[in-house]
C-alpha cells in the first residue's frame, strides 16, 4: 500500500484520461490537492467574512472598511511578480507549504486577539496585510502546478475545475462563516480557518513531487525577473488582456469594497445575512460556470466581457436603491454570474497567450493588474462614498463601468489559439571551446539576402519577429543594410548571457517558428541564413543601449 500511495502522489501519466470535464478528478494527486484547495479556500472565505464584519463593529468609517479590502489586495499587487518568479525557479511544493504555515500563523494571531477582545482596527488591517502577502506568494504557484498534476489533454478541464472549486468555496465559506460568526463569534471562525491550513499542508506533504531534472540552465531570481518583464513588455496580446482586466476590475471593485456597509447600513442585515449575500455570489458563480459553455457558442471573449460588465453594472445600480433583503440575495446571484464570466474569460485568455516557461510570471503580472485595480478601486470607492454616500458611490461605479465597457470593447482580446509549445528548431551553436554560462552579453547576427522591391514587406515581417526575439530573451534588436551591397541585410540582437541565449533556444515556440518562416519567404540566398554568435571580450566595457 505504501508503494501504491507513493505512485499515486507522483506526477500523472502523459496520456489524457478522457471522460470530459471531470476527468482530472480520476487522478488521485489532482483530486486530493483539488479537495484540499477547496477546503482551504472555504476557510479563507470564512476568515474574510469575520474580518470584514469585525471592522464594521470596530469603526463606522467607510474608508476604514474599504482599507481592510485594500490591505488584502495591495500585497498581491506589490508582490505577485516576485511570487511568479519564485514559482518558476523554486520547488513549488515546499514553497506552498511555507506559505500555508505563514497564513496559519496569521489566523492564529486573529484567533487569540478576538478571543481576548484585544483586536483593533490597526491590528486587523496589519494582519490582513500579512495574509495578503501569503495570498500573493501562493496565487501564481497554485496556478502553475496544474500542468504538473494532469496530462496536457486534461489541462483545460483541470483549470475549469479549479475555477469551480473556488466558487464552491465562495458559495459555502461566506455563508458558513457568517452563521458561525453570528452564533459563536469571530474566534471560532478564525479557528476553523487554522484547521483548513492544517488539511492543505497535509495534502502537500502527501504529494511526492518529482524532482525537476537540471540542465545546467536553471534561472536565478533577478535574471528570471528580468526575463519575465521582457516578455510582458513585448507581448502585445498580453497587453490587451491586462488593459481590459484593469478597466473592468477598477470599476467593478466598488461593489466589493462597499458590500459590508450595504448589508449592514442600507439593508439592515446581520453578520449572517452578509454571509448569505457572499454565499449567493458563490452560488451565482457556479451557475455562471454552468452557463458559460453555452454562452461561448453565441459570444466570443469580447462579447462575454461586455455582457459581464453590463450585468455587474446593473446589479450595482439596483443595490443603490436599497432593495428588500430577498431581492438583494437575487442580485448577488446575478453578480456572481457576471463576475465568473468576466474572471474566467480574462484569466483563460491570459493563460492561452502565455507559454509554459513564463506562465508563472505572466500570470503573476495578470494578478498584479487584477489586484492593483481592486486595491485602488476599493480605496477610491471608499473615499468617494464619504461625500456622496454609499448609494451614490454605487451609482457612479455602475455608470463608469458601462462607459468603459462600451469604449474598450473596441480593444479586441486575442484569440489565444497560437501553438506555444517549444519548436526546438534552432540548431545548437558551433563552439570551438566551452563557454561559461555567465559570460556575456551575446550578440547574434543573421544575414539575409532580400530583393529591393521586397524590402518594405520584409521589414514589416521583421518587426513582428522582433517582438518574438524580445519576448524570448533579447534586450536589444535591430536590422541594418550593407552600404556597398543593397539587399544584404543583417538582423542582430543582444542577449545578456550565454545561458540566457541557450534558454532562448528552448523557448522558441511553434508559433514563433511560423513568424520566422514568414521572414524566410523573402530570403533569396542559395543557402539558409547562418547565425553568427559573438561574445563580449570585456563585459564591463561593452554597454549597449536597448532600442525601443
Protein backbone atom coordinates (compact mmCIF):
# COMPACT_ATOMS: atom_id res chain seq x y z
CA UNK A 1 0.00 0.00 0.00
CA UNK A 2 2.85 2.40 0.75
CA UNK A 3 4.25 1.90 -2.74
CA UNK A 4 0.85 2.49 -4.31
CA UNK A 5 0.43 5.68 -2.29
CA UNK A 6 3.82 6.96 -3.44
CA UNK A 7 2.93 6.30 -7.04
CA UNK A 8 -0.45 7.97 -6.65
CA UNK A 9 1.16 11.06 -5.19
CA UNK A 10 3.63 11.41 -8.05
CA UNK A 11 3.09 13.03 -11.43
CA UNK A 12 0.34 11.67 -13.68
CA UNK A 13 0.83 9.67 -16.82
CA UNK A 14 1.07 11.63 -20.03
CA UNK A 15 -1.98 10.32 -21.94
CA UNK A 16 -5.32 12.04 -21.39
CA UNK A 17 -7.65 10.22 -19.03
CA UNK A 18 -10.65 11.07 -21.20
CA UNK A 19 -14.13 11.37 -19.81
CA UNK A 20 -14.91 15.08 -20.14
CA UNK A 21 -14.89 17.95 -17.69
CA UNK A 22 -14.47 15.87 -14.53
CA UNK A 23 -11.79 13.53 -15.88
CA UNK A 24 -8.91 15.10 -13.87
CA UNK A 25 -10.64 14.06 -10.64
CA UNK A 26 -9.85 10.45 -11.56
CA UNK A 27 -6.18 11.24 -10.92
CA UNK A 28 -5.55 10.81 -7.18
CA UNK A 29 -2.92 13.55 -6.90
CA UNK A 30 -5.13 16.14 -8.59
CA UNK A 31 -8.24 15.04 -6.69
CA UNK A 32 -6.52 15.27 -3.29
CA UNK A 33 -4.95 18.67 -3.92
CA UNK A 34 -8.16 19.97 -5.51
CA UNK A 35 -10.21 18.91 -2.48
CA UNK A 36 -7.62 20.38 -0.10
CA UNK A 37 -7.68 23.65 -2.05
CA UNK A 38 -11.48 23.82 -1.81
CA UNK A 39 -11.27 23.29 1.97
CA UNK A 40 -8.51 25.86 2.30
CA UNK A 41 -10.48 28.42 0.30
CA UNK A 42 -13.59 27.79 2.41
CA UNK A 43 -11.52 28.63 5.49
CA UNK A 44 -10.12 31.75 3.83
CA UNK A 45 -13.59 32.99 2.85
CA UNK A 46 -14.80 32.39 6.40
CA UNK A 47 -11.86 34.39 7.76
CA UNK A 48 -12.52 37.23 5.31
CA UNK A 49 -16.18 37.42 6.33
CA UNK A 50 -15.21 37.57 10.00
CA UNK A 51 -12.61 40.29 9.37
CA UNK A 52 -14.91 42.37 7.16
CA UNK A 53 -17.67 42.24 9.77
CA UNK A 54 -15.37 42.85 12.72
CA UNK A 55 -14.12 46.11 11.19
CA UNK A 56 -17.73 47.38 10.97
CA UNK A 57 -18.03 46.75 14.71
CA UNK A 58 -14.75 48.49 15.43
CA UNK A 59 -15.36 51.50 13.13
CA UNK A 60 -18.26 53.07 11.23
CA UNK A 61 -16.00 54.83 8.71
CA UNK A 62 -16.45 53.69 5.07
CA UNK A 63 -12.76 54.41 4.49
CA UNK A 64 -11.76 52.06 7.34
CA UNK A 65 -13.95 49.29 5.93
CA UNK A 66 -12.54 49.77 2.43
CA UNK A 67 -8.99 49.88 3.86
CA UNK A 68 -9.32 46.26 5.02
CA UNK A 69 -10.11 45.26 1.43
CA UNK A 70 -7.14 47.31 0.27
CA UNK A 71 -4.87 45.63 2.82
CA UNK A 72 -5.91 42.22 1.49
CA UNK A 73 -5.27 43.04 -2.17
CA UNK A 74 -2.38 45.55 -2.09
CA UNK A 75 0.29 42.93 -1.24
CA UNK A 76 -0.80 40.88 -4.23
CA UNK A 77 -0.35 43.97 -6.38
CA UNK A 78 3.11 44.59 -4.93
CA UNK A 79 4.42 41.03 -4.69
CA UNK A 80 2.68 38.98 -7.36
CA UNK A 81 5.51 39.36 -9.89
CA UNK A 82 8.29 38.33 -7.45
CA UNK A 83 6.00 35.48 -6.38
CA UNK A 84 5.63 34.42 -10.01
CA UNK A 85 9.41 34.40 -10.39
CA UNK A 86 9.75 32.24 -7.27
CA UNK A 87 7.08 29.85 -8.56
CA UNK A 88 9.13 29.33 -11.73
CA UNK A 89 12.52 28.77 -10.06
CA UNK A 90 11.81 27.13 -6.65
CA UNK A 91 10.40 23.77 -5.60
CA UNK A 92 6.71 24.66 -5.73
CA UNK A 93 5.62 22.05 -3.18
CA UNK A 94 7.98 23.28 -0.44
CA UNK A 95 7.20 26.87 -1.29
CA UNK A 96 3.46 26.28 -0.91
CA UNK A 97 3.95 24.53 2.44
CA UNK A 98 5.87 27.53 3.76
CA UNK A 99 3.16 29.92 2.59
CA UNK A 100 0.44 27.83 4.26
CA UNK A 101 2.37 27.98 7.55
CA UNK A 102 2.52 31.79 7.26
CA UNK A 103 -1.22 32.05 6.62
CA UNK A 104 -1.97 29.70 9.51
CA UNK A 105 0.09 31.92 11.81
CA UNK A 106 -1.96 34.96 10.75
CA UNK A 107 -5.23 33.22 11.60
CA UNK A 108 -3.84 32.03 14.95
CA UNK A 109 -3.00 35.65 15.82
CA UNK A 110 -6.50 36.77 14.81
CA UNK A 111 -8.00 33.94 16.88
CA UNK A 112 -6.06 34.91 20.02
CA UNK A 113 -6.85 38.63 19.69
CA UNK A 114 -10.53 38.01 19.00
CA UNK A 115 -10.73 35.61 21.95
CA UNK A 116 -9.07 38.09 24.33
CA UNK A 117 -11.03 41.08 22.94
CA UNK A 118 -7.81 42.91 22.04
CA UNK A 119 -8.47 43.15 18.30
CA UNK A 120 -8.24 46.71 16.95
CA UNK A 121 -8.74 48.23 13.50
CA UNK A 122 -4.99 48.76 13.18
CA UNK A 123 -4.18 45.16 14.17
CA UNK A 124 -6.87 43.82 11.84
CA UNK A 125 -5.52 45.81 8.90
CA UNK A 126 -1.93 44.78 9.69
CA UNK A 127 -2.76 41.06 9.93
CA UNK A 128 -4.92 41.30 6.81
CA UNK A 129 -1.91 42.80 5.04
CA UNK A 130 0.31 39.89 6.13
CA UNK A 131 -2.37 37.48 4.95
CA UNK A 132 -2.37 39.32 1.65
CA UNK A 133 1.38 38.70 1.40
CA UNK A 134 0.71 34.98 1.79
CA UNK A 135 -2.01 35.12 -0.86
CA UNK A 136 0.39 36.98 -3.18
CA UNK A 137 3.03 34.27 -2.81
CA UNK A 138 0.52 31.45 -3.21
CA UNK A 139 -1.60 32.59 -6.17
CA UNK A 140 0.78 32.17 -9.14
CA UNK A 141 2.23 28.96 -7.67
CA UNK A 142 -1.13 27.21 -7.29
CA UNK A 143 -1.97 28.01 -10.90
CA UNK A 144 1.47 26.95 -12.12
CA UNK A 145 1.36 23.44 -10.60
CA UNK A 146 -1.75 22.39 -12.54
CA UNK A 147 0.22 21.25 -15.65
CA UNK A 148 2.29 19.04 -13.30
CA UNK A 149 -0.79 17.27 -11.95
CA UNK A 150 -2.68 16.32 -15.12
CA UNK A 151 -1.87 15.25 -18.69
CA UNK A 152 -1.88 18.03 -21.26
CA UNK A 153 -5.13 16.75 -22.76
CA UNK A 154 -6.88 17.32 -19.43
CA UNK A 155 -5.36 20.73 -18.69
CA UNK A 156 -8.36 22.83 -19.74
CA UNK A 157 -10.69 20.62 -17.69
CA UNK A 158 -8.36 20.95 -14.68
CA UNK A 159 -8.31 24.75 -14.96
CA UNK A 160 -12.12 24.77 -15.18
CA UNK A 161 -12.36 22.51 -12.13
CA UNK A 162 -10.09 24.88 -10.19
CA UNK A 163 -12.45 27.75 -11.02
CA UNK A 164 -15.40 25.59 -9.99
CA UNK A 165 -13.66 24.72 -6.72
CA UNK A 166 -13.07 28.39 -5.90
CA UNK A 167 -16.74 29.12 -6.45
CA UNK A 168 -17.87 26.14 -4.42
CA UNK A 169 -15.76 27.59 -1.61
CA UNK A 170 -17.22 31.02 -2.30
CA UNK A 171 -20.73 29.60 -2.01
CA UNK A 172 -20.03 27.65 1.21
CA UNK A 173 -17.39 29.72 3.03
CA UNK A 174 -19.03 33.14 3.41
CA UNK A 175 -22.45 31.76 4.40
CA UNK A 176 -20.93 29.29 6.87
CA UNK A 177 -18.59 31.95 8.22
CA UNK A 178 -21.42 34.40 8.68
CA UNK A 179 -23.60 31.87 10.51
CA UNK A 180 -20.75 30.76 12.79
CA UNK A 181 -19.82 34.39 13.39
CA UNK A 182 -23.37 35.26 14.44
CA UNK A 183 -23.72 32.17 16.64
CA UNK A 184 -20.28 31.72 18.22
CA UNK A 185 -18.16 34.80 17.47
CA UNK A 186 -15.09 35.61 15.37
CA UNK A 187 -12.65 33.45 17.39
CA UNK A 188 -14.33 30.21 16.31
CA UNK A 189 -14.35 31.30 12.68
CA UNK A 190 -10.62 32.03 12.80
CA UNK A 191 -10.04 28.66 14.49
CA UNK A 192 -11.82 26.81 11.68
CA UNK A 193 -9.58 28.65 9.20
CA UNK A 194 -6.49 27.41 11.07
CA UNK A 195 -7.75 23.82 10.72
CA UNK A 196 -8.19 24.30 6.97
CA UNK A 197 -4.49 25.18 6.62
CA UNK A 198 -3.56 22.00 8.51
CA UNK A 199 -5.52 20.00 5.92
CA UNK A 200 -3.83 21.76 2.99
CA UNK A 201 -0.36 21.24 4.48
CA UNK A 202 -1.15 17.55 4.97
CA UNK A 203 -2.14 17.20 1.32
CA UNK A 204 1.05 18.95 0.16
CA UNK A 205 3.18 16.69 2.37
CA UNK A 206 1.44 13.65 0.83
CA UNK A 207 2.21 14.87 -2.71
CA UNK A 208 5.52 13.42 -3.87
CA UNK A 209 6.51 15.97 -6.47
CA UNK A 210 9.15 14.60 -8.86
CA UNK A 211 12.43 16.47 -8.77
CA UNK A 212 12.97 18.52 -11.92
CA UNK A 213 15.95 17.45 -13.99
CA UNK A 214 18.58 20.16 -14.02
CA UNK A 215 20.11 21.00 -17.40
CA UNK A 216 22.62 23.48 -16.01
CA UNK A 217 20.48 26.39 -17.20
CA UNK A 218 18.43 26.99 -14.06
CA UNK A 219 17.38 30.62 -13.76
CA UNK A 220 18.32 32.82 -10.82
CA UNK A 221 15.84 35.22 -9.26
CA UNK A 222 16.93 38.54 -10.78
CA UNK A 223 17.61 37.06 -14.21
CA UNK A 224 14.23 35.32 -14.20
CA UNK A 225 12.62 38.56 -13.01
CA UNK A 226 14.12 40.48 -15.94
CA UNK A 227 13.15 37.74 -18.39
CA UNK A 228 9.54 37.86 -17.21
CA UNK A 229 9.37 41.64 -17.54
CA UNK A 230 10.97 41.48 -21.00
CA UNK A 231 8.35 39.00 -22.11
CA UNK A 232 5.47 41.05 -20.73
CA UNK A 233 6.84 44.28 -22.24
CA UNK A 234 6.99 42.73 -25.73
CA UNK A 235 3.75 40.72 -25.69
CA UNK A 236 1.10 42.85 -27.42
CA UNK A 237 -1.50 40.14 -26.80
CA UNK A 238 -0.87 40.18 -23.06
CA UNK A 239 -1.09 43.99 -23.10
CA UNK A 240 -4.66 43.84 -24.42
CA UNK A 241 -5.69 41.33 -21.76
CA UNK A 242 -4.18 43.45 -18.99
CA UNK A 243 -5.87 46.62 -20.23
CA UNK A 244 -9.29 45.01 -20.42
CA UNK A 245 -8.86 43.46 -16.98
CA UNK A 246 -7.71 46.73 -15.40
CA UNK A 247 -10.67 48.82 -16.56
CA UNK A 248 -13.22 46.17 -15.60
CA UNK A 249 -11.93 45.47 -12.10
CA UNK A 250 -11.26 49.13 -11.31
CA UNK A 251 -14.96 49.96 -11.58
CA UNK A 252 -16.42 46.59 -10.53
CA UNK A 253 -14.42 46.72 -7.29
CA UNK A 254 -16.87 49.29 -5.88
CA UNK A 255 -19.48 46.66 -5.08
CA UNK A 256 -16.95 44.52 -3.17
CA UNK A 257 -15.47 47.44 -1.24
CA UNK A 258 -18.87 48.72 -0.08
CA UNK A 259 -20.81 45.46 0.30
CA UNK A 260 -20.35 45.17 4.11
CA UNK A 261 -21.80 48.66 4.51
CA UNK A 262 -24.58 47.90 2.03
CA UNK A 263 -25.53 44.78 4.00
CA UNK A 264 -25.41 46.45 7.40
CA UNK A 265 -26.34 50.08 6.80
CA UNK A 266 -28.57 50.10 3.72
CA UNK A 267 -30.23 46.68 4.05
CA UNK A 268 -30.23 46.40 7.87
CA UNK A 269 -28.72 42.91 7.82
CA UNK A 270 -26.74 40.96 10.38
CA UNK A 271 -23.43 39.14 10.05
CA UNK A 272 -25.35 36.05 8.98
CA UNK A 273 -27.11 38.00 6.24
CA UNK A 274 -23.78 39.36 4.98
CA UNK A 275 -22.52 35.78 4.76
CA UNK A 276 -25.66 34.79 2.85
CA UNK A 277 -25.03 37.60 0.35
CA UNK A 278 -21.48 36.41 -0.28
CA UNK A 279 -22.70 32.82 -0.49
CA UNK A 280 -25.24 33.92 -3.09
CA UNK A 281 -22.36 35.37 -5.14
CA UNK A 282 -20.67 31.97 -4.99
CA UNK A 283 -23.87 30.23 -5.98
CA UNK A 284 -24.28 32.61 -8.89
CA UNK A 285 -20.68 31.95 -9.91
CA UNK A 286 -21.40 28.21 -10.04
CA UNK A 287 -24.48 28.95 -12.15
CA UNK A 288 -22.37 31.16 -14.41
CA UNK A 289 -19.76 28.40 -14.79
CA UNK A 290 -22.51 26.01 -15.90
CA UNK A 291 -23.93 28.54 -18.37
CA UNK A 292 -20.57 29.65 -19.74
CA UNK A 293 -20.05 26.80 -22.28
CA UNK A 294 -23.45 27.59 -23.84
CA UNK A 295 -22.74 31.32 -23.84
CA UNK A 296 -19.47 30.66 -25.67
CA UNK A 297 -21.48 29.21 -28.56
CA UNK A 298 -23.09 32.62 -29.06
CA UNK A 299 -20.47 35.09 -27.85
CA UNK A 300 -16.73 35.48 -28.30
CA UNK A 301 -14.43 36.59 -25.46
CA UNK A 302 -15.17 40.28 -26.11
CA UNK A 303 -18.90 39.68 -26.07
CA UNK A 304 -18.64 37.74 -22.82
CA UNK A 305 -16.71 40.54 -21.07
CA UNK A 306 -19.20 43.14 -22.33
CA UNK A 307 -22.13 41.04 -21.10
CA UNK A 308 -20.48 40.55 -17.71
CA UNK A 309 -19.78 44.29 -17.41
CA UNK A 310 -23.37 45.31 -18.17
CA UNK A 311 -24.75 42.67 -15.81
CA UNK A 312 -22.43 43.76 -12.99
CA UNK A 313 -23.28 47.43 -13.54
CA UNK A 314 -26.98 46.61 -13.42
CA UNK A 315 -26.57 44.85 -10.07
CA UNK A 316 -24.64 47.80 -8.63
CA UNK A 317 -27.33 50.26 -9.74
CA UNK A 318 -30.08 48.06 -8.28
CA UNK A 319 -28.29 47.80 -4.92
CA UNK A 320 -28.10 51.59 -4.77
CA UNK A 321 -31.90 51.81 -4.30
CA UNK A 322 -31.72 49.63 -1.13
CA UNK A 323 -33.93 46.74 -2.30
CA UNK A 324 -35.56 44.25 0.10
CA UNK A 325 -33.19 41.65 1.52
CA UNK A 326 -34.61 38.81 -0.60
CA UNK A 327 -34.09 40.91 -3.74
CA UNK A 328 -30.53 41.70 -2.67
CA UNK A 329 -29.84 37.94 -2.47
CA UNK A 330 -31.15 37.54 -6.03
CA UNK A 331 -28.97 40.43 -7.16
CA UNK A 332 -25.93 38.76 -5.58
CA UNK A 333 -26.64 35.61 -7.59
CA UNK A 334 -26.67 37.76 -10.74
CA UNK A 335 -23.43 39.43 -9.61
CA UNK A 336 -21.83 36.00 -9.23
CA UNK A 337 -22.86 35.09 -12.77
CA UNK A 338 -21.37 38.26 -14.21
CA UNK A 339 -18.24 38.06 -12.07
CA UNK A 340 -17.35 34.47 -13.02
CA UNK A 341 -17.97 35.17 -16.72
CA UNK A 342 -15.53 38.10 -16.66
CA UNK A 343 -12.99 36.43 -14.40
CA UNK A 344 -12.93 33.10 -16.26
CA UNK A 345 -12.83 34.75 -19.69
CA UNK A 346 -10.00 37.17 -18.89
CA UNK A 347 -7.98 34.57 -16.95
CA UNK A 348 -8.48 31.98 -19.70
CA UNK A 349 -7.26 34.36 -22.41
CA UNK A 350 -4.25 35.31 -20.25
CA UNK A 351 -3.30 31.65 -19.85
CA UNK A 352 -3.83 30.98 -23.56
CA UNK A 353 -1.31 33.62 -24.65
CA UNK A 354 1.44 32.53 -22.22
CA UNK A 355 3.98 29.76 -22.98
CA UNK A 356 4.84 27.33 -20.21
CA UNK A 357 8.32 28.70 -19.47
CA UNK A 358 6.96 32.09 -18.36
CA UNK A 359 3.47 31.07 -17.26
CA UNK A 360 4.02 31.72 -13.55
CA UNK A 361 5.50 35.16 -14.20
CA UNK A 362 2.89 36.08 -16.80
CA UNK A 363 0.00 35.05 -14.56
CA UNK A 364 1.65 36.98 -11.73
CA UNK A 365 1.62 40.12 -13.88
CA UNK A 366 -2.06 39.50 -14.63
CA UNK A 367 -2.72 39.07 -10.90
CA UNK A 368 -0.79 42.27 -10.23
CA UNK A 369 -3.07 44.21 -12.56
CA UNK A 370 -6.17 42.47 -11.20
CA UNK A 371 -5.36 43.11 -7.55
CA UNK A 372 -3.89 46.55 -8.22
CA UNK A 373 -7.17 47.58 -9.84
CA UNK A 374 -9.12 46.03 -6.96
CA UNK A 375 -6.92 47.71 -4.33
CA UNK A 376 -7.01 51.14 -5.98
CA UNK A 377 -10.71 50.78 -6.68
CA UNK A 378 -11.53 49.67 -3.13
CA UNK A 379 -9.69 52.61 -1.60
CA UNK A 380 -11.03 55.04 -4.17
CA UNK A 381 -14.65 53.97 -3.82
CA UNK A 382 -14.38 54.16 -0.04
CA UNK A 383 -13.23 57.76 -0.38
CA UNK A 384 -15.95 58.53 -2.94
CA UNK A 385 -18.58 57.16 -0.53
CA UNK A 386 -17.53 59.63 2.16
CA UNK A 387 -19.03 62.75 0.47
CA UNK A 388 -21.68 61.20 -1.83
CA UNK A 389 -22.83 58.27 0.28
CA UNK A 390 -22.82 54.53 -0.36
CA UNK A 391 -25.69 54.63 -2.84
CA UNK A 392 -24.08 57.50 -4.76
CA UNK A 393 -20.75 55.66 -4.99
CA UNK A 394 -22.51 52.55 -6.33
CA UNK A 395 -24.29 54.60 -8.99
CA UNK A 396 -21.09 56.34 -10.06
CA UNK A 397 -19.31 52.97 -10.26
CA UNK A 398 -22.14 51.43 -12.29
CA UNK A 399 -22.19 54.33 -14.77
CA UNK A 400 -18.42 54.26 -15.14
CA UNK A 401 -18.41 50.51 -15.73
CA UNK A 402 -20.96 50.84 -18.55
CA UNK A 403 -18.94 53.60 -20.23
CA UNK A 404 -15.56 51.80 -20.09
CA UNK A 405 -17.18 48.51 -21.17
CA UNK A 406 -18.51 50.11 -24.34
CA UNK A 407 -15.36 52.15 -25.07
CA UNK A 408 -12.84 49.34 -24.52
CA UNK A 409 -14.96 46.77 -26.35
CA UNK A 410 -13.12 48.09 -29.42
CA UNK A 411 -9.82 46.79 -27.96
CA UNK A 412 -10.29 43.18 -29.00
CA UNK A 413 -9.00 40.34 -26.85
CA UNK A 414 -6.58 37.91 -28.56
CA UNK A 415 -7.95 34.60 -29.79
CA UNK A 416 -5.26 32.68 -27.88
CA UNK A 417 -5.05 29.93 -30.49
CA UNK A 418 -1.31 30.07 -31.25
CA UNK A 419 0.74 26.91 -30.68
CA UNK A 420 3.12 27.89 -27.87
CA UNK A 421 4.79 24.51 -27.45
CA UNK A 422 8.60 24.64 -27.94
CA UNK A 423 9.58 24.05 -31.56
CA UNK A 424 13.22 23.12 -30.82
CA UNK A 425 14.10 24.01 -34.41
CA UNK A 426 17.09 26.24 -33.71
CA UNK A 427 20.38 24.39 -34.32
CA UNK A 428 22.89 24.34 -31.49
CA UNK A 429 25.62 26.99 -31.89
CA UNK A 430 29.00 25.75 -33.10
CA UNK A 431 31.64 26.11 -30.37
CA UNK A 432 35.40 25.72 -30.60
CA UNK A 433 35.61 25.53 -26.82
CA UNK A 434 33.06 25.53 -23.99
CA UNK A 435 31.51 28.87 -23.00
CA UNK A 436 30.80 29.78 -19.38
CA UNK A 437 27.08 30.24 -18.79
CA UNK A 438 27.51 33.64 -17.15
CA UNK A 439 29.61 35.07 -19.97
CA UNK A 440 28.01 37.86 -21.94
CA UNK A 441 26.49 39.88 -23.42
CA UNK A 442 25.98 37.77 -26.54
CA UNK A 443 25.39 39.30 -29.96
CA UNK A 444 23.61 37.14 -32.54
CA UNK A 445 23.77 38.15 -36.20
CA UNK A 446 21.72 36.61 -39.01
CA UNK A 447 22.36 37.61 -42.63
CA UNK A 448 19.60 37.72 -45.28
CA UNK A 449 19.57 38.48 -48.99
CA UNK A 450 16.43 40.39 -50.00
CA UNK A 451 15.26 41.90 -53.29
CA UNK A 452 14.92 45.68 -53.26
CA UNK A 453 11.21 45.56 -54.08
CA UNK A 454 10.61 43.14 -51.18
CA UNK A 455 12.36 45.26 -48.54
CA UNK A 456 9.20 47.02 -47.19
CA UNK A 457 7.32 43.74 -46.74
CA UNK A 458 10.46 42.09 -45.35
CA UNK A 459 10.90 44.83 -42.75
CA UNK A 460 7.23 44.54 -41.75
CA UNK A 461 7.71 40.81 -41.15
CA UNK A 462 10.94 41.52 -39.27
CA UNK A 463 9.12 43.89 -36.92
CA UNK A 464 6.75 41.08 -35.97
CA UNK A 465 9.74 38.79 -35.50
CA UNK A 466 11.48 41.38 -33.32
CA UNK A 467 8.73 41.04 -30.69
CA UNK A 468 9.40 37.29 -30.55
CA UNK A 469 13.15 37.87 -30.11
CA UNK A 470 12.48 40.28 -27.24
CA UNK A 471 9.87 38.04 -25.60
CA UNK A 472 12.24 35.10 -25.56
CA UNK A 473 15.30 36.88 -24.18
CA UNK A 474 16.75 39.67 -26.33
CA UNK A 475 17.13 43.06 -24.64
CA UNK A 476 18.07 44.91 -27.86
CA UNK A 477 17.32 44.25 -31.52
CA UNK A 478 17.87 45.86 -34.90
CA UNK A 479 18.32 45.42 -38.66
CA UNK A 480 20.95 47.02 -40.90
CA UNK A 481 21.71 47.03 -44.63
CA UNK A 482 25.19 46.79 -46.10
CA UNK A 483 26.29 50.14 -47.62
CA UNK A 484 28.04 48.52 -50.57
CA UNK A 485 25.61 45.68 -51.27
CA UNK A 486 21.93 46.70 -51.32
CA UNK A 487 19.70 43.83 -50.23
CA UNK A 488 22.32 42.36 -47.91
CA UNK A 489 20.58 42.75 -44.54
CA UNK A 490 21.82 41.86 -41.07
CA UNK A 491 19.45 41.15 -38.23
CA UNK A 492 21.14 41.45 -34.83
CA UNK A 493 20.02 41.10 -31.25
CA UNK A 494 21.69 41.13 -27.84
CA UNK A 495 21.13 38.65 -25.00
CA UNK A 496 22.54 39.27 -21.53
CA UNK A 497 24.44 35.96 -21.13
CA UNK A 498 25.28 32.72 -22.88
CA UNK A 499 22.98 30.79 -20.55
CA UNK A 500 20.10 33.13 -21.39
CA UNK A 501 20.72 32.60 -25.10
CA UNK A 502 20.65 28.83 -24.62
CA UNK A 503 17.35 29.22 -22.76
CA UNK A 504 16.20 31.29 -25.73
CA UNK A 505 16.77 28.22 -27.92
CA UNK A 506 14.38 26.24 -25.71
CA UNK A 507 11.76 28.98 -25.51
CA UNK A 508 11.10 29.46 -29.22
CA UNK A 509 7.58 28.18 -29.88
CA UNK A 510 5.96 26.68 -32.95
CA UNK A 511 4.09 29.95 -33.44
CA UNK A 512 7.46 31.74 -33.37
CA UNK A 513 8.74 29.30 -35.96
CA UNK A 514 5.87 30.39 -38.22
CA UNK A 515 6.98 34.02 -37.81
CA UNK A 516 10.50 33.06 -38.83
CA UNK A 517 9.15 31.13 -41.82
CA UNK A 518 7.28 34.27 -42.88
CA UNK A 519 10.58 36.20 -42.84
CA UNK A 520 12.33 33.42 -44.76
CA UNK A 521 9.94 33.88 -47.70
CA UNK A 522 11.94 36.97 -48.66
CA UNK A 523 15.41 35.40 -48.44
CA UNK A 524 16.84 34.73 -51.91
CA UNK A 525 20.26 33.40 -50.99
CA UNK A 526 21.43 29.95 -52.15
CA UNK A 527 21.57 28.72 -48.56
CA UNK A 528 19.60 29.31 -45.38
CA UNK A 529 20.76 32.33 -43.35
CA UNK A 530 23.52 31.42 -40.93
CA UNK A 531 23.51 32.70 -37.36
CA UNK A 532 26.80 34.07 -36.03
CA UNK A 533 27.40 34.38 -32.28
CA UNK A 534 29.72 36.96 -30.75
CA UNK A 535 30.75 37.13 -27.09
CA UNK A 536 31.85 40.35 -25.44
CA UNK A 537 35.54 40.27 -24.65
CA UNK A 538 35.08 42.69 -21.75
CA UNK A 539 31.53 42.68 -20.36
CA UNK A 540 32.25 45.74 -18.20
CA UNK A 541 33.36 47.80 -21.16
CA UNK A 542 30.51 46.89 -23.50
CA UNK A 543 27.35 48.85 -22.72
CA UNK A 544 24.77 48.51 -25.47
CA UNK A 545 21.67 50.66 -25.25
CA UNK A 546 18.40 48.82 -25.99
CA UNK A 547 16.45 50.05 -28.98
CA UNK A 548 12.87 50.95 -28.09
